[in-house]
């Protein structure tokens, strides 16, 4: 099987310009979302002034952690493995 050609049935429509992508969808009332992450690794965000973003035309909502309350720490996926020991302090 390794190195054998595989018939790909989905390619033709994309090669002929007939493919559809999620980005091509348009539905009445559809909104777009953007997630802005910190540009600093392991940085702590102390305050966010979202007033300028909220004032932009077309913006329906700006949601920050303070708007949704306590945000739990997202554990590393490896934490659940037996014998895993994190190398950094928490």
Protein backbone atom coordinates (compact mmCIF):
# COMPACT_ATOMS: atom_id res chain seq x y z
CA UNK A 1 0.00 0.00 0.00
CA UNK A 2 2.84 2.42 0.70
CA UNK A 3 3.61 4.33 -2.48
CA UNK A 4 0.47 3.12 -4.25
CA UNK A 5 -1.66 5.75 -5.98
CA UNK A 6 -4.93 6.55 -4.23
CA UNK A 7 -7.95 7.69 -6.18
CA UNK A 8 -8.98 11.02 -4.74
CA UNK A 9 -12.56 11.76 -5.61
CA UNK A 10 -12.73 15.23 -4.04
CA UNK A 11 -9.96 16.89 -6.07
CA UNK A 12 -11.74 17.37 -9.40
CA UNK A 13 -14.27 19.89 -8.16
CA UNK A 14 -11.52 22.01 -6.62
CA UNK A 15 -9.30 21.79 -9.69
CA UNK A 16 -12.21 22.90 -11.86
CA UNK A 17 -13.09 25.83 -9.58
CA UNK A 18 -16.33 24.29 -8.36
CA UNK A 19 -15.26 23.57 -4.80
CA UNK A 20 -17.01 25.22 -1.87
CA UNK A 21 -15.28 26.39 1.28
CA UNK A 22 -16.73 27.50 4.59
CA UNK A 23 -15.39 30.99 3.84
CA UNK A 24 -17.61 31.08 0.75
CA UNK A 25 -20.83 30.72 2.75
CA UNK A 26 -23.11 33.71 3.13
CA UNK A 27 -26.30 33.52 5.18
CA UNK A 28 -28.63 36.41 6.04
CA UNK A 29 -27.74 37.78 9.47
CA UNK A 30 -24.46 35.88 9.59
CA UNK A 31 -21.79 37.34 11.87
CA UNK A 32 -18.05 36.77 11.93
CA UNK A 33 -15.97 36.22 15.04
CA UNK A 34 -12.33 37.03 15.73
CA UNK A 35 -10.29 35.76 18.67
CA UNK A 36 -7.43 38.02 19.67
CA UNK A 37 -4.69 36.32 21.63
CA UNK A 38 -1.86 37.90 23.54
CA UNK A 39 1.28 38.49 21.52
CA UNK A 40 3.34 37.67 24.62
CA UNK A 41 3.88 34.03 25.53
CA UNK A 42 2.79 33.33 29.11
CA UNK A 43 1.88 37.00 29.52
CA UNK A 44 -0.72 38.07 32.02
CA UNK A 45 -3.37 40.47 30.81
CA UNK A 46 -4.19 42.88 33.60
CA UNK A 47 -6.72 45.07 31.84
CA UNK A 48 -8.45 45.38 28.49
CA UNK A 49 -10.02 48.59 27.26
CA UNK A 50 -12.45 47.37 24.61
CA UNK A 51 -14.22 50.72 24.16
CA UNK A 52 -12.50 51.50 20.82
CA UNK A 53 -13.40 48.05 19.46
CA UNK A 54 -17.00 48.38 20.62
CA UNK A 55 -17.27 51.79 18.91
CA UNK A 56 -16.24 50.44 15.49
CA UNK A 57 -19.00 50.35 12.87
CA UNK A 58 -20.54 46.93 12.42
CA UNK A 59 -19.19 45.48 15.68
CA UNK A 60 -22.02 43.66 17.44
CA UNK A 61 -20.14 42.52 20.56
CA UNK A 62 -16.74 42.52 22.19
CA UNK A 63 -16.44 39.83 24.85
CA UNK A 64 -13.59 39.69 27.35
CA UNK A 65 -12.93 37.36 30.25
CA UNK A 66 -14.40 39.91 32.66
CA UNK A 67 -17.66 39.72 30.69
CA UNK A 68 -17.99 35.97 31.17
CA UNK A 69 -16.64 35.67 34.72
CA UNK A 70 -14.11 33.19 36.02
CA UNK A 71 -12.22 31.47 33.23
CA UNK A 72 -10.78 28.10 34.25
CA UNK A 73 -7.18 27.21 33.51
CA UNK A 74 -6.96 24.94 30.48
CA UNK A 75 -4.91 21.89 31.50
CA UNK A 76 -2.22 20.50 29.27
CA UNK A 77 -3.37 17.42 27.42
CA UNK A 78 -0.43 15.47 28.84
CA UNK A 79 -1.51 16.13 32.44
CA UNK A 80 -3.79 13.11 32.32
CA UNK A 81 -1.02 10.67 31.41
CA UNK A 82 0.31 8.53 34.26
CA UNK A 83 3.83 9.54 35.25
CA UNK A 84 3.68 12.93 33.51
CA UNK A 85 5.64 15.59 35.29
CA UNK A 86 5.45 19.20 34.12
CA UNK A 87 8.83 20.86 33.75
CA UNK A 88 7.59 24.33 34.50
CA UNK A 89 6.23 25.56 37.80
CA UNK A 90 2.53 26.38 37.93
